[in-house]
N, C-alpha and C. Protein backbone atom coordinates (compact mmCIF):
# COMPACT_ATOMS: atom_id res chain seq x y z
N MET A 1 -18.68 155.93 82.75
CA MET A 1 -17.73 156.62 83.62
C MET A 1 -16.69 157.34 82.77
N SER A 2 -16.44 158.60 83.07
CA SER A 2 -15.48 159.40 82.31
C SER A 2 -14.19 159.60 83.10
N VAL A 3 -13.07 159.68 82.37
CA VAL A 3 -11.80 159.95 83.03
C VAL A 3 -11.76 161.37 83.59
N THR A 4 -12.57 162.26 83.01
CA THR A 4 -12.63 163.64 83.47
C THR A 4 -13.74 163.80 84.50
N THR A 5 -13.37 164.15 85.73
CA THR A 5 -14.35 164.31 86.80
C THR A 5 -14.53 165.76 87.22
N LYS A 6 -13.54 166.60 86.93
CA LYS A 6 -13.53 168.02 87.30
C LYS A 6 -13.47 168.25 88.81
N ARG A 7 -13.26 167.16 89.58
CA ARG A 7 -13.21 167.31 91.04
C ARG A 7 -11.90 167.97 91.50
N GLY A 8 -10.90 167.97 90.63
CA GLY A 8 -9.63 168.58 91.01
C GLY A 8 -9.46 170.01 90.55
N ASP A 9 -10.50 170.59 89.96
CA ASP A 9 -10.37 171.93 89.39
C ASP A 9 -10.17 173.02 90.43
N THR A 10 -10.46 172.74 91.66
CA THR A 10 -10.31 173.75 92.72
C THR A 10 -8.98 173.59 93.47
N GLY A 11 -8.11 172.68 93.00
CA GLY A 11 -6.82 172.50 93.66
C GLY A 11 -6.83 171.46 94.75
N PHE A 12 -7.92 170.69 94.86
CA PHE A 12 -8.01 169.61 95.85
C PHE A 12 -8.26 168.29 95.13
N THR A 13 -7.88 167.20 95.77
CA THR A 13 -8.13 165.88 95.20
C THR A 13 -8.50 164.93 96.33
N ASP A 14 -8.85 163.70 95.97
CA ASP A 14 -9.36 162.75 96.95
C ASP A 14 -8.30 161.73 97.36
N LEU A 15 -8.21 161.53 98.66
CA LEU A 15 -7.46 160.42 99.24
C LEU A 15 -8.37 159.76 100.27
N ALA A 16 -8.00 158.58 100.69
CA ALA A 16 -8.77 157.94 101.76
C ALA A 16 -8.77 158.87 102.97
N GLY A 17 -9.92 159.12 103.48
CA GLY A 17 -10.02 160.02 104.63
C GLY A 17 -10.50 161.41 104.28
N GLY A 18 -10.60 161.71 102.97
CA GLY A 18 -11.14 163.01 102.61
C GLY A 18 -10.34 163.72 101.53
N ARG A 19 -10.73 164.96 101.30
CA ARG A 19 -10.11 165.80 100.28
C ARG A 19 -8.84 166.43 100.83
N VAL A 20 -7.80 166.51 99.98
CA VAL A 20 -6.54 167.13 100.39
C VAL A 20 -6.07 168.06 99.27
N PRO A 21 -5.27 169.08 99.60
CA PRO A 21 -4.71 169.94 98.55
C PRO A 21 -3.80 169.15 97.62
N LYS A 22 -3.69 169.59 96.40
CA LYS A 22 -2.85 168.88 95.44
C LYS A 22 -1.36 169.02 95.73
N ASN A 23 -1.02 169.95 96.61
CA ASN A 23 0.38 170.04 97.03
C ASN A 23 0.64 169.33 98.35
N ASP A 24 -0.31 168.49 98.77
CA ASP A 24 -0.12 167.67 99.96
C ASP A 24 1.10 166.76 99.76
N PRO A 25 1.94 166.56 100.80
CA PRO A 25 3.12 165.71 100.63
C PRO A 25 2.82 164.30 100.12
N ARG A 26 1.67 163.74 100.51
CA ARG A 26 1.34 162.41 100.03
C ARG A 26 1.03 162.42 98.53
N ILE A 27 0.39 163.47 98.06
CA ILE A 27 0.09 163.58 96.63
C ILE A 27 1.39 163.70 95.84
N GLU A 28 2.33 164.50 96.34
CA GLU A 28 3.62 164.64 95.67
C GLU A 28 4.35 163.30 95.62
N ALA A 29 4.36 162.57 96.75
CA ALA A 29 5.02 161.27 96.78
C ALA A 29 4.35 160.28 95.84
N LEU A 30 3.02 160.26 95.83
CA LEU A 30 2.29 159.37 94.93
C LEU A 30 2.57 159.71 93.47
N GLY A 31 2.70 161.00 93.18
CA GLY A 31 2.99 161.42 91.81
C GLY A 31 4.34 160.92 91.33
N VAL A 32 5.35 160.99 92.21
CA VAL A 32 6.68 160.51 91.82
C VAL A 32 6.69 158.99 91.67
N LEU A 33 5.94 158.28 92.51
CA LEU A 33 5.84 156.83 92.36
C LEU A 33 5.16 156.46 91.05
N ASP A 34 4.19 157.28 90.64
CA ASP A 34 3.53 157.08 89.35
C ASP A 34 4.53 157.27 88.21
N GLU A 35 5.36 158.32 88.32
CA GLU A 35 6.42 158.54 87.34
C GLU A 35 7.36 157.33 87.28
N LEU A 36 7.74 156.85 88.46
CA LEU A 36 8.66 155.73 88.53
C LEU A 36 8.09 154.52 87.81
N ASP A 37 6.82 154.24 88.01
CA ASP A 37 6.19 153.10 87.34
C ASP A 37 6.26 153.27 85.82
N ALA A 38 6.05 154.50 85.33
CA ALA A 38 6.11 154.75 83.89
C ALA A 38 7.52 154.50 83.35
N PHE A 39 8.54 154.92 84.10
CA PHE A 39 9.92 154.69 83.68
C PHE A 39 10.28 153.20 83.72
N LEU A 40 9.74 152.49 84.70
CA LEU A 40 9.98 151.05 84.76
C LEU A 40 9.36 150.34 83.57
N ALA A 41 8.18 150.78 83.17
CA ALA A 41 7.54 150.19 81.99
C ALA A 41 8.38 150.45 80.74
N ASP A 42 8.93 151.65 80.65
CA ASP A 42 9.79 152.00 79.52
C ASP A 42 11.05 151.13 79.51
N ALA A 43 11.65 150.94 80.69
CA ALA A 43 12.85 150.11 80.78
C ALA A 43 12.54 148.67 80.39
N ARG A 44 11.39 148.18 80.85
CA ARG A 44 11.02 146.80 80.52
C ARG A 44 10.86 146.63 79.02
N SER A 45 10.29 147.62 78.37
CA SER A 45 10.12 147.56 76.92
C SER A 45 11.47 147.48 76.22
N ALA A 46 12.45 148.23 76.74
CA ALA A 46 13.79 148.18 76.16
C ALA A 46 14.43 146.81 76.34
N LEU A 47 14.19 146.19 77.50
CA LEU A 47 14.75 144.85 77.73
C LEU A 47 14.15 143.83 76.78
N GLU A 48 12.88 143.98 76.46
CA GLU A 48 12.21 143.02 75.57
C GLU A 48 12.89 142.96 74.20
N GLY A 49 13.44 144.08 73.76
CA GLY A 49 14.05 144.11 72.43
C GLY A 49 15.55 143.96 72.44
N ALA A 50 16.11 143.55 73.59
CA ALA A 50 17.57 143.56 73.73
C ALA A 50 18.22 142.19 73.59
N VAL A 51 17.46 141.15 73.32
CA VAL A 51 18.05 139.81 73.26
C VAL A 51 18.66 139.58 71.89
N ASP A 52 19.97 139.75 71.81
CA ASP A 52 20.65 139.53 70.54
C ASP A 52 21.94 138.75 70.70
N GLY A 53 22.26 138.34 71.94
CA GLY A 53 23.49 137.58 72.15
C GLY A 53 24.74 138.37 71.87
N ALA A 54 24.66 139.71 71.94
CA ALA A 54 25.80 140.55 71.61
C ALA A 54 26.92 140.36 72.61
N GLU A 55 28.14 140.51 72.12
CA GLU A 55 29.30 140.37 72.97
C GLU A 55 29.56 141.67 73.71
N GLY A 56 29.84 141.60 74.97
CA GLY A 56 30.18 142.77 75.76
C GLY A 56 31.68 142.89 75.89
N THR A 57 32.12 144.08 76.26
CA THR A 57 33.53 144.34 76.41
C THR A 57 34.13 143.42 77.46
N GLY A 58 35.18 142.71 77.08
CA GLY A 58 35.89 141.88 78.03
C GLY A 58 35.20 140.57 78.38
N GLY A 59 34.19 140.17 77.60
CA GLY A 59 33.49 138.93 77.94
C GLY A 59 33.21 138.11 76.70
N ALA A 60 32.97 136.85 76.89
CA ALA A 60 32.67 135.96 75.78
C ALA A 60 31.18 135.99 75.48
N LYS A 61 30.87 135.91 74.21
CA LYS A 61 29.47 135.93 73.79
C LYS A 61 28.73 134.70 74.32
N VAL A 62 27.51 134.88 74.75
CA VAL A 62 26.71 133.75 75.19
C VAL A 62 25.62 133.49 74.17
N GLY A 63 25.03 132.31 74.25
CA GLY A 63 24.01 131.94 73.27
C GLY A 63 22.71 132.65 73.49
N ASN A 64 21.82 132.54 72.48
CA ASN A 64 20.53 133.20 72.55
C ASN A 64 19.68 132.65 73.69
N ASP A 65 19.82 131.35 73.98
CA ASP A 65 19.05 130.77 75.08
C ASP A 65 19.43 131.40 76.41
N ASP A 66 20.74 131.61 76.61
CA ASP A 66 21.20 132.26 77.84
C ASP A 66 20.73 133.70 77.90
N ALA A 67 20.81 134.39 76.77
CA ALA A 67 20.37 135.79 76.73
C ALA A 67 18.88 135.88 77.02
N GLU A 68 18.12 134.94 76.48
CA GLU A 68 16.68 134.94 76.72
C GLU A 68 16.38 134.68 78.19
N SER A 69 17.14 133.78 78.81
CA SER A 69 16.97 133.48 80.23
C SER A 69 17.28 134.69 81.09
N GLU A 70 18.37 135.40 80.75
CA GLU A 70 18.73 136.62 81.48
C GLU A 70 17.63 137.67 81.37
N LYS A 71 17.11 137.81 80.14
CA LYS A 71 16.04 138.79 79.92
C LYS A 71 14.82 138.45 80.73
N ASN A 72 14.45 137.17 80.72
CA ASN A 72 13.26 136.74 81.45
C ASN A 72 13.40 137.00 82.95
N GLU A 73 14.61 136.79 83.48
CA GLU A 73 14.84 137.05 84.90
C GLU A 73 14.63 138.53 85.23
N LYS A 74 15.18 139.40 84.40
CA LYS A 74 15.08 140.84 84.65
C LYS A 74 13.66 141.35 84.47
N THR A 75 12.99 140.90 83.42
CA THR A 75 11.62 141.37 83.20
C THR A 75 10.68 140.85 84.29
N ALA A 76 10.93 139.61 84.77
CA ALA A 76 10.10 139.07 85.84
C ALA A 76 10.26 139.89 87.12
N ILE A 77 11.50 140.31 87.41
CA ILE A 77 11.73 141.15 88.58
C ILE A 77 11.03 142.49 88.41
N LEU A 78 11.14 143.09 87.23
CA LEU A 78 10.48 144.38 87.00
C LEU A 78 8.97 144.26 87.12
N ASP A 79 8.40 143.19 86.60
CA ASP A 79 6.95 142.99 86.72
C ASP A 79 6.55 142.90 88.19
N ALA A 80 7.34 142.15 88.97
CA ALA A 80 7.04 142.00 90.39
C ALA A 80 7.21 143.33 91.13
N VAL A 81 8.25 144.08 90.78
CA VAL A 81 8.48 145.39 91.40
C VAL A 81 7.31 146.33 91.14
N ARG A 82 6.80 146.31 89.92
CA ARG A 82 5.68 147.19 89.59
C ARG A 82 4.43 146.81 90.39
N ARG A 83 4.24 145.51 90.63
CA ARG A 83 3.12 145.10 91.48
C ARG A 83 3.33 145.59 92.92
N GLU A 84 4.56 145.50 93.40
CA GLU A 84 4.86 145.99 94.75
C GLU A 84 4.60 147.49 94.84
N LEU A 85 5.02 148.23 93.82
CA LEU A 85 4.80 149.67 93.82
C LEU A 85 3.33 150.03 93.85
N PHE A 86 2.52 149.25 93.14
CA PHE A 86 1.07 149.49 93.15
C PHE A 86 0.52 149.34 94.56
N GLN A 87 0.97 148.30 95.26
CA GLN A 87 0.51 148.07 96.62
C GLN A 87 1.01 149.16 97.56
N ILE A 88 2.27 149.55 97.39
CA ILE A 88 2.84 150.61 98.23
C ILE A 88 2.08 151.92 98.02
N SER A 89 1.76 152.22 96.78
CA SER A 89 1.01 153.45 96.49
C SER A 89 -0.37 153.41 97.12
N ALA A 90 -0.99 152.24 97.11
CA ALA A 90 -2.30 152.10 97.75
C ALA A 90 -2.19 152.34 99.25
N LEU A 91 -1.12 151.85 99.86
CA LEU A 91 -0.92 152.08 101.29
C LEU A 91 -0.72 153.56 101.58
N LEU A 92 0.04 154.22 100.71
CA LEU A 92 0.32 155.64 100.91
C LEU A 92 -0.95 156.48 100.77
N ALA A 93 -1.90 156.01 99.98
CA ALA A 93 -3.16 156.72 99.81
C ALA A 93 -4.15 156.42 100.93
N ALA A 94 -3.82 155.45 101.79
CA ALA A 94 -4.73 155.06 102.86
C ALA A 94 -4.72 156.09 103.99
N LYS A 95 -5.66 155.93 104.88
CA LYS A 95 -5.83 156.91 105.96
C LYS A 95 -4.91 156.63 107.14
N ASP A 96 -4.69 155.35 107.45
CA ASP A 96 -3.98 154.99 108.67
C ASP A 96 -2.67 154.30 108.34
N PRO A 97 -1.52 154.97 108.53
CA PRO A 97 -0.23 154.36 108.18
C PRO A 97 0.12 153.18 109.07
N ARG A 98 -0.48 153.06 110.23
CA ARG A 98 -0.12 151.97 111.15
C ARG A 98 -0.50 150.60 110.59
N LYS A 99 -1.45 150.57 109.67
CA LYS A 99 -1.90 149.30 109.10
C LYS A 99 -0.97 148.79 108.00
N SER A 100 0.04 149.58 107.63
CA SER A 100 0.88 149.23 106.49
C SER A 100 2.14 148.47 106.86
N ALA A 101 2.46 148.36 108.15
CA ALA A 101 3.76 147.85 108.58
C ALA A 101 4.06 146.44 108.07
N SER A 102 3.12 145.50 108.22
CA SER A 102 3.41 144.12 107.84
C SER A 102 3.58 143.96 106.34
N GLN A 103 2.76 144.67 105.57
CA GLN A 103 2.86 144.56 104.11
C GLN A 103 4.16 145.17 103.62
N ILE A 104 4.56 146.31 104.20
CA ILE A 104 5.81 146.94 103.79
C ILE A 104 7.00 146.04 104.13
N LYS A 105 6.94 145.37 105.27
CA LYS A 105 8.01 144.46 105.66
C LYS A 105 8.19 143.35 104.62
N GLY A 106 7.08 142.79 104.15
CA GLY A 106 7.16 141.75 103.12
C GLY A 106 7.73 142.28 101.81
N SER A 107 7.30 143.47 101.41
CA SER A 107 7.81 144.08 100.18
C SER A 107 9.30 144.34 100.28
N LEU A 108 9.73 144.84 101.44
CA LEU A 108 11.14 145.13 101.66
C LEU A 108 11.98 143.85 101.56
N GLU A 109 11.52 142.78 102.17
CA GLU A 109 12.26 141.52 102.15
C GLU A 109 12.37 140.96 100.73
N ARG A 110 11.31 141.10 99.95
CA ARG A 110 11.37 140.59 98.58
C ARG A 110 12.37 141.38 97.73
N VAL A 111 12.34 142.70 97.86
CA VAL A 111 13.28 143.53 97.09
C VAL A 111 14.72 143.23 97.50
N GLU A 112 14.96 143.09 98.79
CA GLU A 112 16.30 142.77 99.26
C GLU A 112 16.75 141.40 98.75
N GLY A 113 15.82 140.46 98.65
CA GLY A 113 16.16 139.13 98.14
C GLY A 113 16.55 139.18 96.67
N TRP A 114 15.80 139.91 95.85
CA TRP A 114 16.14 140.05 94.44
C TRP A 114 17.50 140.72 94.27
N ALA A 115 17.75 141.76 95.07
CA ALA A 115 19.02 142.47 94.98
C ALA A 115 20.19 141.57 95.36
N ALA A 116 20.02 140.78 96.41
CA ALA A 116 21.09 139.88 96.85
C ALA A 116 21.42 138.86 95.76
N GLY A 117 20.39 138.35 95.09
CA GLY A 117 20.63 137.38 94.03
C GLY A 117 21.39 137.98 92.86
N LEU A 118 21.03 139.21 92.47
CA LEU A 118 21.70 139.87 91.36
C LEU A 118 23.14 140.24 91.73
N GLU A 119 23.33 140.69 92.98
CA GLU A 119 24.67 141.10 93.39
C GLU A 119 25.63 139.91 93.42
N LYS A 120 25.11 138.75 93.74
CA LYS A 120 25.94 137.54 93.72
C LYS A 120 26.29 137.15 92.30
N LYS A 121 25.35 137.33 91.40
CA LYS A 121 25.56 136.93 90.01
C LYS A 121 26.39 137.96 89.24
N TYR A 122 26.20 139.24 89.57
CA TYR A 122 26.91 140.33 88.90
C TYR A 122 27.63 141.18 89.95
N PRO A 123 28.75 140.70 90.47
CA PRO A 123 29.43 141.45 91.54
C PRO A 123 29.87 142.83 91.07
N MET A 124 29.74 143.81 91.96
CA MET A 124 30.11 145.18 91.63
C MET A 124 31.63 145.32 91.56
N ARG A 125 32.07 146.21 90.68
CA ARG A 125 33.50 146.51 90.55
C ARG A 125 33.76 147.99 90.78
N GLY A 126 32.83 148.65 91.43
CA GLY A 126 32.94 150.08 91.67
C GLY A 126 31.56 150.69 91.60
N PHE A 127 31.50 152.02 91.78
CA PHE A 127 30.21 152.70 91.77
C PHE A 127 29.98 153.51 90.49
N PHE A 128 31.01 153.66 89.68
CA PHE A 128 30.85 154.45 88.45
C PHE A 128 30.82 153.52 87.26
N TYR A 129 29.76 153.65 86.48
CA TYR A 129 29.64 152.85 85.27
C TYR A 129 29.22 153.73 84.11
N ARG A 130 29.76 153.43 82.95
CA ARG A 130 29.31 154.10 81.72
C ARG A 130 28.27 153.19 81.08
N TRP A 131 27.02 153.58 81.25
CA TRP A 131 25.94 152.77 80.71
C TRP A 131 25.89 152.97 79.20
N THR A 132 25.86 151.89 78.44
CA THR A 132 25.87 151.98 76.98
C THR A 132 24.67 151.32 76.33
N LYS A 133 24.07 150.35 77.01
CA LYS A 133 22.94 149.64 76.43
C LYS A 133 21.63 150.36 76.77
N PRO A 134 20.70 150.44 75.81
CA PRO A 134 19.45 151.17 76.06
C PRO A 134 18.72 150.73 77.32
N GLY A 135 18.64 149.42 77.56
CA GLY A 135 17.95 148.94 78.76
C GLY A 135 18.64 149.39 80.03
N ALA A 136 19.97 149.33 80.04
CA ALA A 136 20.73 149.76 81.22
C ALA A 136 20.56 151.26 81.45
N ILE A 137 20.57 152.03 80.38
CA ILE A 137 20.39 153.48 80.50
C ILE A 137 19.02 153.80 81.09
N LYS A 138 18.00 153.12 80.60
CA LYS A 138 16.64 153.38 81.08
C LYS A 138 16.45 152.93 82.53
N LEU A 139 17.09 151.82 82.89
CA LEU A 139 17.01 151.37 84.28
C LEU A 139 17.73 152.35 85.20
N ASN A 140 18.82 152.93 84.73
CA ASN A 140 19.52 153.91 85.56
C ASN A 140 18.70 155.18 85.71
N ILE A 141 18.00 155.58 84.67
CA ILE A 141 17.09 156.73 84.78
C ILE A 141 16.00 156.42 85.81
N ALA A 142 15.44 155.21 85.75
CA ALA A 142 14.43 154.82 86.73
C ALA A 142 15.00 154.86 88.14
N ARG A 143 16.27 154.48 88.29
CA ARG A 143 16.92 154.55 89.62
C ARG A 143 16.94 155.99 90.14
N THR A 144 17.25 156.95 89.26
CA THR A 144 17.31 158.34 89.72
C THR A 144 15.92 158.85 90.11
N VAL A 145 14.89 158.41 89.39
CA VAL A 145 13.52 158.78 89.76
C VAL A 145 13.16 158.15 91.10
N CYS A 146 13.63 156.93 91.32
CA CYS A 146 13.38 156.25 92.60
C CYS A 146 14.04 157.03 93.74
N ARG A 147 15.24 157.53 93.52
CA ARG A 147 15.91 158.34 94.54
C ARG A 147 15.11 159.62 94.83
N ARG A 148 14.55 160.20 93.79
CA ARG A 148 13.73 161.40 94.00
C ARG A 148 12.47 161.05 94.80
N ALA A 149 11.90 159.89 94.50
CA ALA A 149 10.73 159.46 95.27
C ALA A 149 11.09 159.32 96.75
N GLU A 150 12.27 158.79 97.03
CA GLU A 150 12.71 158.65 98.42
C GLU A 150 12.80 160.01 99.11
N ARG A 151 13.35 160.99 98.38
CA ARG A 151 13.48 162.33 98.98
C ARG A 151 12.11 162.94 99.27
N ARG A 152 11.12 162.61 98.44
CA ARG A 152 9.79 163.18 98.63
C ARG A 152 9.07 162.59 99.85
N LEU A 153 9.61 161.53 100.40
CA LEU A 153 8.96 160.88 101.54
C LEU A 153 9.22 161.58 102.86
N TYR A 154 10.20 162.46 102.89
CA TYR A 154 10.61 163.05 104.17
C TYR A 154 10.37 164.55 104.17
N PRO A 155 10.08 165.12 105.35
CA PRO A 155 9.82 166.56 105.43
C PRO A 155 11.07 167.35 105.07
N PRO A 156 10.90 168.54 104.45
CA PRO A 156 12.06 169.40 104.24
C PRO A 156 12.74 169.71 105.57
N SER A 157 14.05 169.93 105.53
CA SER A 157 14.81 170.11 106.76
C SER A 157 14.35 171.32 107.57
N GLU A 158 13.76 172.31 106.87
CA GLU A 158 13.33 173.51 107.61
C GLU A 158 11.98 173.32 108.30
N GLU A 159 11.29 172.19 107.97
CA GLU A 159 10.01 171.95 108.63
C GLU A 159 10.22 171.53 110.08
N GLU A 160 9.27 171.85 110.91
CA GLU A 160 9.28 171.40 112.29
C GLU A 160 8.06 170.52 112.50
N PRO A 161 8.15 169.23 112.14
CA PRO A 161 6.97 168.37 112.19
C PRO A 161 6.49 168.15 113.62
N ALA A 162 5.19 168.07 113.76
CA ALA A 162 4.61 167.81 115.07
C ALA A 162 4.94 166.38 115.48
N PRO A 163 5.30 166.14 116.73
CA PRO A 163 5.73 164.80 117.16
C PRO A 163 4.55 163.85 117.37
N GLU A 164 3.86 163.52 116.29
CA GLU A 164 2.73 162.60 116.39
C GLU A 164 3.14 161.17 116.10
N GLY A 165 4.33 160.97 115.60
CA GLY A 165 4.81 159.63 115.28
C GLY A 165 6.26 159.72 114.90
N ARG A 166 6.85 158.59 114.54
CA ARG A 166 8.25 158.59 114.17
C ARG A 166 8.44 157.81 112.88
N GLY A 167 9.25 158.39 111.99
CA GLY A 167 9.55 157.73 110.73
C GLY A 167 10.63 156.70 110.91
N ALA A 168 11.07 156.14 109.76
CA ALA A 168 12.07 155.08 109.82
C ALA A 168 13.38 155.57 110.44
N SER A 169 13.67 156.87 110.32
CA SER A 169 14.91 157.41 110.86
C SER A 169 14.82 157.67 112.36
N GLY A 170 13.62 157.55 112.93
CA GLY A 170 13.43 157.83 114.34
C GLY A 170 13.03 159.26 114.63
N HIS A 171 13.04 160.11 113.59
CA HIS A 171 12.66 161.50 113.78
C HIS A 171 11.13 161.62 113.83
N PRO A 172 10.61 162.56 114.61
CA PRO A 172 9.16 162.72 114.68
C PRO A 172 8.59 163.24 113.37
N VAL A 173 7.46 162.71 112.98
CA VAL A 173 6.79 163.15 111.76
C VAL A 173 5.29 163.21 112.01
N ARG A 174 4.63 164.08 111.28
CA ARG A 174 3.17 164.16 111.38
C ARG A 174 2.55 162.87 110.88
N SER A 175 1.44 162.50 111.46
CA SER A 175 0.83 161.21 111.13
C SER A 175 0.40 161.14 109.67
N GLY A 176 0.07 162.27 109.05
CA GLY A 176 -0.36 162.25 107.66
C GLY A 176 0.77 162.39 106.66
N HIS A 177 2.01 162.56 107.14
CA HIS A 177 3.14 162.74 106.23
C HIS A 177 3.58 161.39 105.68
N PRO A 178 4.07 161.34 104.42
CA PRO A 178 4.50 160.07 103.85
C PRO A 178 5.51 159.31 104.70
N ALA A 179 6.37 160.02 105.42
CA ALA A 179 7.39 159.36 106.23
C ALA A 179 6.77 158.49 107.31
N ALA A 180 5.56 158.84 107.74
CA ALA A 180 4.90 158.08 108.81
C ALA A 180 4.51 156.68 108.36
N PHE A 181 4.48 156.45 107.04
CA PHE A 181 4.05 155.16 106.52
C PHE A 181 5.18 154.14 106.48
N GLY A 182 6.41 154.58 106.74
CA GLY A 182 7.54 153.66 106.83
C GLY A 182 7.96 153.01 105.54
N ILE A 183 7.67 153.62 104.39
CA ILE A 183 8.03 153.00 103.12
C ILE A 183 9.40 153.45 102.62
N GLY A 184 10.06 154.35 103.37
CA GLY A 184 11.37 154.84 102.96
C GLY A 184 12.39 153.74 102.73
N PRO A 185 12.54 152.77 103.65
CA PRO A 185 13.51 151.70 103.42
C PRO A 185 13.22 150.89 102.15
N PHE A 186 11.93 150.66 101.86
CA PHE A 186 11.58 149.93 100.63
C PHE A 186 12.04 150.70 99.40
N ILE A 187 11.78 152.01 99.35
CA ILE A 187 12.18 152.80 98.20
C ILE A 187 13.70 152.88 98.10
N ASN A 188 14.37 152.96 99.23
CA ASN A 188 15.83 152.99 99.24
C ASN A 188 16.40 151.70 98.64
N ARG A 189 15.90 150.55 99.09
CA ARG A 189 16.39 149.28 98.57
C ARG A 189 16.01 149.08 97.12
N LEU A 190 14.87 149.65 96.73
CA LEU A 190 14.46 149.54 95.34
C LEU A 190 15.45 150.25 94.43
N SER A 191 15.97 151.40 94.87
CA SER A 191 16.96 152.09 94.04
C SER A 191 18.22 151.24 93.91
N ASP A 192 18.60 150.54 94.98
CA ASP A 192 19.73 149.61 94.89
C ASP A 192 19.45 148.51 93.87
N LEU A 193 18.25 147.97 93.92
CA LEU A 193 17.87 146.90 93.00
C LEU A 193 17.91 147.38 91.56
N LEU A 194 17.44 148.59 91.30
CA LEU A 194 17.44 149.12 89.95
C LEU A 194 18.87 149.33 89.43
N PHE A 195 19.77 149.74 90.33
CA PHE A 195 21.18 149.85 89.94
C PHE A 195 21.72 148.48 89.53
N LEU A 196 21.41 147.46 90.30
CA LEU A 196 21.89 146.12 90.00
C LEU A 196 21.26 145.56 88.72
N LEU A 197 20.00 145.89 88.47
CA LEU A 197 19.37 145.48 87.22
C LEU A 197 20.03 146.15 86.03
N ALA A 198 20.38 147.44 86.18
CA ALA A 198 21.09 148.15 85.12
C ALA A 198 22.45 147.51 84.88
N LEU A 199 23.13 147.15 85.97
CA LEU A 199 24.42 146.49 85.86
C LEU A 199 24.29 145.15 85.15
N ALA A 200 23.27 144.39 85.52
CA ALA A 200 23.03 143.10 84.88
C ALA A 200 22.77 143.26 83.39
N GLU A 201 22.00 144.28 83.04
CA GLU A 201 21.70 144.51 81.62
C GLU A 201 22.95 144.96 80.86
N GLU A 202 23.74 145.82 81.49
CA GLU A 202 24.98 146.29 80.83
C GLU A 202 25.93 145.13 80.55
N ARG A 203 25.96 144.16 81.44
CA ARG A 203 26.87 143.02 81.28
C ARG A 203 26.22 141.84 80.55
N SER A 204 24.98 141.97 80.16
CA SER A 204 24.29 140.86 79.52
C SER A 204 24.93 140.56 78.18
N GLY A 205 24.82 139.28 77.78
CA GLY A 205 25.37 138.87 76.50
C GLY A 205 26.79 138.41 76.58
N ARG A 206 27.35 138.29 77.77
CA ARG A 206 28.71 137.78 77.91
C ARG A 206 28.84 137.00 79.21
N GLN A 207 29.82 136.14 79.25
CA GLN A 207 30.08 135.35 80.43
C GLN A 207 30.75 136.23 81.49
N GLU A 208 30.33 136.06 82.73
CA GLU A 208 30.97 136.79 83.83
C GLU A 208 32.08 135.96 84.43
N SER A 209 33.23 136.60 84.64
CA SER A 209 34.32 135.92 85.31
C SER A 209 34.05 135.86 86.79
N ALA A 210 34.44 134.75 87.41
CA ALA A 210 34.24 134.62 88.86
C ALA A 210 35.10 135.62 89.58
N PRO A 211 34.59 136.30 90.63
CA PRO A 211 35.38 137.27 91.37
C PRO A 211 36.58 136.60 92.04
N ALA A 212 37.69 137.35 92.12
CA ALA A 212 38.89 136.83 92.73
C ALA A 212 38.67 136.58 94.22
N THR A 213 39.27 135.52 94.74
CA THR A 213 39.14 135.20 96.15
C THR A 213 40.49 135.31 96.83
């Protein structure tokens, strides 16, 4: 079996249900999700080399065991996220979006759970951060790609989609459009999770002060 099939040379490619143009909205969305996975792999690689127990601004240095534990938590989340993305991409390539609801619900709940845990451990102090650590910078880049993936899920505002179904926002969408698959909330929460992972990495290597009550 060769990686080169030449089936896309005419500007069409294969999805479940038949051949579609390469500028089909689902192909564009799948392409951005593929990019996102590549950026997540890059971020994970940066985290693997970041365990040095370095002191962060305004915090006390923690031991290597603590730093290793923090790293393992973040890489485990990224590994799980990448598995979720693979499943989401498979759903997006499927023919019938109605079959994806239960699986997407589970993926959404897991991402929200990881985010809640990180937010409790690393409370936010605002929305603007100067990312300085390589892992945090790469995670923030992945977050921006995730936001772009979210935008690719919805029809352009000038489109007048046929009312064959309704997306997560309640607006009518064509049955073959990515928005019909209901994965928008998952991608939205994933961008939140990536922000929190970047925050966790930026603050890694130091003790966190308990938030004021």
